[in-house]
Amino acid sequence: MSNAELTEAVSAFGISHLALITDPSDPRLAPYRDVGDPSALTRNGLFVVEGRLPVERLLESGRFGIASVAVTPVAAQAMAPLLELRCDVHVYVCEPAILEAVTGFDFHRGCLALARRPLVLPPLDDFAPASRVLALEGVGNPDNIGGLFRTAFALGVDAVVLDPTSGDPLYRKAIRTSMAASLRVPFTRVERWPAALEVLRGHGLRVVALTPDPEATSLDDYEAGRNDRLVLLVGAEGPGLTAGSMKYADVKLRIPIDPRADSLNVVVAAGIVLHALRQKR
């Protein structure tokens, strides 16, 4: 598409805050050069959201400030009704080759957003009224982080609490894997770990620690009360939960599986237990 055709197409959207960019050296696109460098993004107080659906959910949620959105003409056309509503957001329309030249990536469905990281995460006490909390210890893999948030959103979790070593829910791959659930489920990270579990217990939540220990209570035999407020505590595959965090467990729970299998993926395991706990409500 020629520049004249692009200009005409952008004008046809009738959205005043859309700007056409035809030069990859345009300074308005400069922040997008860091999309492959999470450390640089974090230093600048930003995170990147990739893909049409995650960006749409970012625009809809209002939870995070948005620096700008960069879209191809095709994506802009598809998202025009939503983009029109967000007149507070700068939207840059450019050909896919421009985006790729700036970022170094061929991004999924031609849509990127730079959003502002919250200066402060919610204090743990904000989650005091929660009935279901998912707590993560040592879960570093971004696919697992994203999968856990997606599972949490689907199965009624009110909030996610991460220990200092768990991965970043606002990392690009984690957001994409979560289908933007990490933009929708409230979360916080706590430095005082595992003492934070005692804080949650003090708010009336019971800590259910997931473990493959054969001495733990089988999920089949566990009877959760209808009004029980619970923290499901999960750890990384392999090392599992530390002895320090297990000290705070009110219940040690295992999923009965074929003894020939070593374990389940942490996302699968959390999904099984959260679904079972939901059925027991």
Protein backbone atom coordinates (compact mmCIF):
# COMPACT_ATOMS: atom_id res chain seq x y z
CA MET A 1 0.00 0.00 0.00
CA SER A 2 1.41 3.41 -0.96
CA ASN A 3 1.75 6.24 1.56
CA ALA A 4 -1.10 8.08 -0.14
CA GLU A 5 -3.32 5.00 0.12
CA LEU A 6 -2.34 4.56 3.76
CA THR A 7 -3.14 8.18 4.52
CA GLU A 8 -6.53 7.83 2.88
CA ALA A 9 -7.22 4.58 4.79
CA VAL A 10 -6.31 6.13 8.15
CA SER A 11 -8.43 9.19 7.41
CA ALA A 12 -11.35 6.91 6.58
CA PHE A 13 -11.35 5.58 10.15
CA GLY A 14 -12.47 9.02 11.29
CA ILE A 15 -10.50 8.70 14.54
CA SER A 16 -8.59 11.86 15.42
CA HIS A 17 -5.99 10.20 17.67
CA LEU A 18 -4.78 7.78 14.97
CA ALA A 19 -1.49 8.82 13.37
CA LEU A 20 0.08 7.33 10.25
CA ILE A 21 3.79 6.50 10.49
CA THR A 22 5.73 5.64 7.34
CA ASP A 23 9.33 5.95 8.57
CA PRO A 24 10.83 3.43 11.04
CA SER A 25 13.07 6.20 12.41
CA ASP A 26 10.05 8.24 13.53
CA PRO A 27 10.75 9.16 17.18
CA ARG A 28 7.23 8.20 18.19
CA LEU A 29 8.15 4.57 17.56
CA ALA A 30 11.44 4.77 19.47
CA PRO A 31 10.09 3.09 22.65
CA TYR A 32 9.12 0.05 20.56
CA ARG A 33 12.78 -0.69 19.92
CA ASP A 34 12.93 -2.12 23.46
CA VAL A 35 10.11 -4.65 23.10
CA GLY A 36 12.60 -7.53 22.98
CA ASP A 37 14.48 -6.27 26.05
CA PRO A 38 12.40 -6.83 29.22
CA SER A 39 15.04 -5.15 31.41
CA ALA A 40 14.95 -1.96 29.34
CA LEU A 41 11.17 -1.93 29.38
CA THR A 42 11.11 -2.37 33.15
CA ARG A 43 13.66 0.42 33.64
CA ASN A 44 11.35 2.68 31.68
CA GLY A 45 8.31 1.58 33.68
CA LEU A 46 6.71 -0.18 30.73
CA PHE A 47 5.54 -3.58 29.59
CA VAL A 48 4.51 -4.77 26.15
CA VAL A 49 1.27 -6.45 25.11
CA GLU A 50 1.24 -8.38 21.85
CA GLY A 51 -1.65 -9.62 19.72
CA ARG A 52 -5.07 -8.26 18.91
CA LEU A 53 -7.06 -9.98 21.66
CA PRO A 54 -4.63 -9.14 24.52
CA VAL A 55 -4.40 -5.52 23.33
CA GLU A 56 -8.18 -5.29 23.12
CA ARG A 57 -8.45 -6.56 26.69
CA LEU A 58 -5.83 -4.05 27.81
CA LEU A 59 -7.83 -1.25 26.21
CA GLU A 60 -11.08 -2.49 27.74
CA SER A 61 -9.82 -3.09 31.27
CA GLY A 62 -8.65 0.37 32.30
CA ARG A 63 -6.40 -1.21 34.96
CA PHE A 64 -3.15 -0.05 33.38
CA GLY A 65 -2.08 3.22 31.83
CA ILE A 66 -1.27 2.90 28.13
CA ALA A 67 1.63 4.78 26.56
CA SER A 68 0.64 3.98 22.97
CA VAL A 69 -0.60 1.32 20.57
CA ALA A 70 1.07 0.43 17.25
CA VAL A 71 -1.07 -1.38 14.70
CA THR A 72 -1.08 -2.35 11.06
CA PRO A 73 -3.87 -0.94 8.85
CA VAL A 74 -5.66 -4.31 8.91
CA ALA A 75 -5.57 -4.46 12.72
CA ALA A 76 -6.63 -0.82 12.98
CA GLN A 77 -9.66 -1.50 10.83
CA ALA A 78 -10.66 -4.51 12.91
CA MET A 79 -10.19 -2.65 16.19
CA ALA A 80 -11.59 0.72 15.08
CA PRO A 81 -14.72 0.69 17.33
CA LEU A 82 -12.64 0.08 20.43
CA LEU A 83 -9.82 2.44 19.43
CA GLU A 84 -12.36 5.19 18.86
CA LEU A 85 -13.51 4.87 22.49
CA ARG A 86 -9.98 5.30 23.85
CA CYS A 87 -9.29 8.86 22.74
CA ASP A 88 -6.73 9.10 25.58
CA VAL A 89 -4.42 6.59 23.84
CA HIS A 90 -1.99 7.46 21.04
CA VAL A 91 -2.46 4.99 18.17
CA TYR A 92 0.21 4.67 15.50
CA VAL A 93 -0.75 2.99 12.23
CA CYS A 94 2.08 1.57 10.12
CA GLU A 95 2.75 -1.20 7.66
CA PRO A 96 3.96 -4.56 9.03
CA ALA A 97 7.44 -3.98 7.57
CA ILE A 98 7.76 -0.77 9.60
CA LEU A 99 6.83 -2.52 12.82
CA GLU A 100 9.22 -5.35 12.10
CA ALA A 101 12.05 -2.94 11.25
CA VAL A 102 11.57 -1.14 14.56
CA THR A 103 11.07 -4.13 16.84
CA GLY A 104 13.02 -6.86 15.08
CA PHE A 105 10.01 -9.18 15.39
CA ASP A 106 7.15 -10.24 13.15
CA PHE A 107 4.45 -9.71 15.73
CA HIS A 108 1.30 -11.76 15.94
CA ARG A 109 -1.62 -10.13 14.10
CA GLY A 110 0.17 -6.81 13.74
CA CYS A 111 -0.74 -5.26 17.05
CA LEU A 112 1.41 -4.04 19.93
CA ALA A 113 0.84 -1.85 22.95
CA LEU A 114 3.18 -0.29 25.46
CA ALA A 115 1.54 -0.05 28.87
CA ARG A 116 2.74 1.48 32.11
CA ARG A 117 3.75 -0.73 34.98
CA PRO A 118 2.04 0.13 38.25
CA LEU A 119 4.39 2.06 40.50
CA VAL A 120 3.24 0.03 43.49
CA LEU A 121 1.57 -3.38 43.59
CA PRO A 122 -1.42 -3.89 45.90
CA PRO A 123 -0.60 -4.68 49.54
CA LEU A 124 -1.41 -8.19 50.68
CA ASP A 125 -4.12 -6.82 52.96
CA ASP A 126 -6.12 -5.81 49.87
CA PHE A 127 -6.79 -9.51 49.32
CA ALA A 128 -8.21 -10.04 52.81
CA PRO A 129 -11.81 -10.49 51.54
CA ALA A 130 -10.82 -13.02 48.86
CA SER A 131 -12.35 -16.48 48.88
CA ARG A 132 -9.82 -18.04 46.49
CA VAL A 133 -6.17 -17.04 46.20
CA LEU A 134 -3.50 -18.76 44.13
CA ALA A 135 -0.01 -18.46 45.64
CA LEU A 136 3.08 -19.23 43.56
CA GLU A 137 6.50 -20.17 44.90
CA GLY A 138 9.50 -20.46 42.59
CA VAL A 139 7.45 -20.67 39.37
CA GLY A 140 9.75 -18.94 36.92
CA ASN A 141 8.76 -20.23 33.48
CA PRO A 142 6.70 -17.53 31.67
CA ASP A 143 4.54 -20.17 29.97
CA ASN A 144 3.64 -21.57 33.37
CA ILE A 145 3.02 -18.09 34.78
CA GLY A 146 0.71 -17.30 31.88
CA GLY A 147 -1.02 -20.67 32.08
CA LEU A 148 -1.61 -20.28 35.83
CA PHE A 149 -3.18 -16.85 35.37
CA ARG A 150 -5.38 -18.14 32.57
CA THR A 151 -6.46 -21.03 34.78
CA ALA A 152 -7.00 -18.72 37.75
CA PHE A 153 -9.23 -16.41 35.72
CA ALA A 154 -11.26 -19.31 34.34
CA LEU A 155 -11.79 -21.02 37.69
CA GLY A 156 -12.80 -18.22 40.01
CA VAL A 157 -9.54 -17.15 41.66
CA ASP A 158 -9.79 -13.66 43.14
CA ALA A 159 -6.08 -12.87 43.30
CA VAL A 160 -2.60 -14.28 42.68
CA VAL A 161 0.30 -13.86 45.10
CA LEU A 162 3.85 -14.40 43.85
CA ASP A 163 6.98 -15.02 45.89
CA PRO A 164 10.17 -13.04 45.01
CA THR A 165 11.51 -15.76 42.68
CA SER A 166 8.41 -16.34 40.54
CA GLY A 167 8.18 -14.95 37.01
CA ASP A 168 6.76 -11.65 35.84
CA PRO A 169 3.03 -11.72 34.98
CA LEU A 170 3.58 -8.63 32.81
CA TYR A 171 6.28 -10.23 30.67
CA ARG A 172 5.20 -10.31 27.01
CA LYS A 173 5.14 -14.10 26.71
CA ALA A 174 3.30 -14.56 30.01
CA ILE A 175 0.59 -12.11 28.91
CA ARG A 176 0.21 -13.83 25.56
CA THR A 177 0.08 -17.32 27.11
CA SER A 178 -2.47 -16.15 29.67
CA MET A 179 -4.68 -14.72 26.91
CA ALA A 180 -4.40 -11.44 28.84
CA ALA A 181 -5.67 -12.99 32.08
CA SER A 182 -2.61 -11.56 33.84
CA LEU A 183 -4.07 -8.14 32.95
CA ARG A 184 -7.40 -9.09 34.51
CA VAL A 185 -6.64 -11.06 37.68
CA PRO A 186 -5.30 -8.86 40.52
CA PHE A 187 -1.85 -9.87 41.72
CA THR A 188 0.96 -8.83 43.98
CA ARG A 189 4.50 -9.90 44.74
CA VAL A 190 5.69 -10.19 48.33
CA GLU A 191 9.26 -9.97 49.59
CA ARG A 192 8.54 -11.40 53.03
CA TRP A 193 8.09 -14.99 51.93
CA PRO A 194 6.84 -17.39 53.18
CA ALA A 195 5.71 -15.19 56.10
CA ALA A 196 3.10 -13.71 53.74
CA LEU A 197 1.20 -16.98 54.00
CA GLU A 198 0.71 -16.34 57.70
CA VAL A 199 -0.72 -12.91 56.85
CA LEU A 200 -3.28 -14.56 54.59
CA ARG A 201 -4.08 -17.08 57.31
CA GLY A 202 -4.61 -14.17 59.67
CA HIS A 203 -7.31 -12.91 57.31
CA GLY A 204 -9.16 -16.20 57.69
CA LEU A 205 -7.89 -18.07 54.64
CA ARG A 206 -6.71 -21.67 54.92
CA VAL A 207 -3.53 -22.60 53.08
CA VAL A 208 -3.84 -25.72 50.90
CA ALA A 209 -0.37 -26.79 49.72
CA LEU A 210 -0.17 -28.95 46.63
CA THR A 211 2.44 -31.72 46.92
CA PRO A 212 3.13 -35.17 45.43
CA ASP A 213 3.92 -36.50 48.93
CA PRO A 214 2.13 -39.87 49.26
CA GLU A 215 1.40 -39.03 52.90
CA ALA A 216 -0.62 -35.96 51.91
CA THR A 217 -4.43 -35.99 51.78
CA SER A 218 -5.79 -37.21 48.46
CA LEU A 219 -7.88 -34.70 46.54
CA ASP A 220 -10.53 -37.42 46.28
CA ASP A 221 -10.82 -37.49 50.07
CA TYR A 222 -10.55 -33.78 50.79
CA GLU A 223 -13.75 -32.17 52.04
CA ALA A 224 -13.72 -28.41 51.74
CA GLY A 225 -16.42 -26.58 53.61
CA ARG A 226 -18.95 -24.67 51.51
CA ASN A 227 -17.77 -21.35 52.91
CA ASP A 228 -14.08 -22.18 53.21
CA ARG A 229 -11.79 -19.40 52.01
CA LEU A 230 -8.63 -20.94 50.61
CA VAL A 231 -5.14 -20.21 49.36
CA LEU A 232 -3.92 -22.82 46.89
CA LEU A 233 -0.13 -22.89 47.18
CA VAL A 234 1.83 -24.35 44.26
CA GLY A 235 5.54 -24.62 43.54
CA ALA A 236 7.87 -25.22 40.64
CA GLU A 237 7.98 -28.59 38.96
CA GLY A 238 10.92 -30.59 40.25
CA PRO A 239 11.85 -28.88 43.52
CA GLY A 240 8.23 -28.31 44.56
CA LEU A 241 7.40 -26.30 47.66
CA THR A 242 10.07 -25.48 50.20
CA ALA A 243 9.98 -26.79 53.75
CA GLY A 244 9.64 -23.18 54.91
CA SER A 245 6.39 -22.63 53.06
CA MET A 246 5.03 -26.06 53.92
CA LYS A 247 5.14 -25.06 57.58
CA TYR A 248 2.25 -22.70 56.90
CA ALA A 249 0.06 -25.32 55.22
CA ASP A 250 -3.23 -26.07 56.92
CA VAL A 251 -3.76 -28.92 54.45
CA LYS A 252 -1.21 -30.84 52.39
CA LEU A 253 -3.00 -32.05 49.29
CA ARG A 254 -2.01 -34.46 46.53
CA ILE A 255 -3.64 -35.39 43.24
CA PRO A 256 -3.92 -39.17 42.92
CA ILE A 257 -2.16 -40.09 39.66
CA ASP A 258 -0.77 -43.23 38.07
CA PRO A 259 2.31 -44.19 40.14
CA ARG A 260 4.30 -44.59 36.93
CA ALA A 261 3.99 -40.83 36.34
CA ASP A 262 6.43 -38.61 38.19
CA SER A 263 4.21 -35.56 38.42
CA LEU A 264 1.87 -33.20 36.59
CA ASN A 265 2.67 -29.87 35.01
CA VAL A 266 1.99 -27.13 37.58
CA VAL A 267 -0.66 -25.51 35.37
CA VAL A 268 -2.49 -28.81 34.88
CA ALA A 269 -2.26 -29.62 38.58
CA ALA A 270 -3.57 -26.21 39.65
CA GLY A 271 -6.44 -26.50 37.17
CA ILE A 272 -7.49 -29.90 38.50
CA VAL A 273 -7.48 -28.73 42.11
CA LEU A 274 -9.15 -25.38 41.47
CA HIS A 275 -11.90 -27.09 39.52
CA ALA A 276 -12.39 -29.66 42.27
CA LEU A 277 -12.50 -26.96 44.94
CA ARG A 278 -15.04 -25.05 42.90
CA GLN A 279 -17.25 -28.12 42.75
CA LYS A 280 -17.01 -28.48 46.53
CA ARG A 281 -18.28 -24.96 47.20
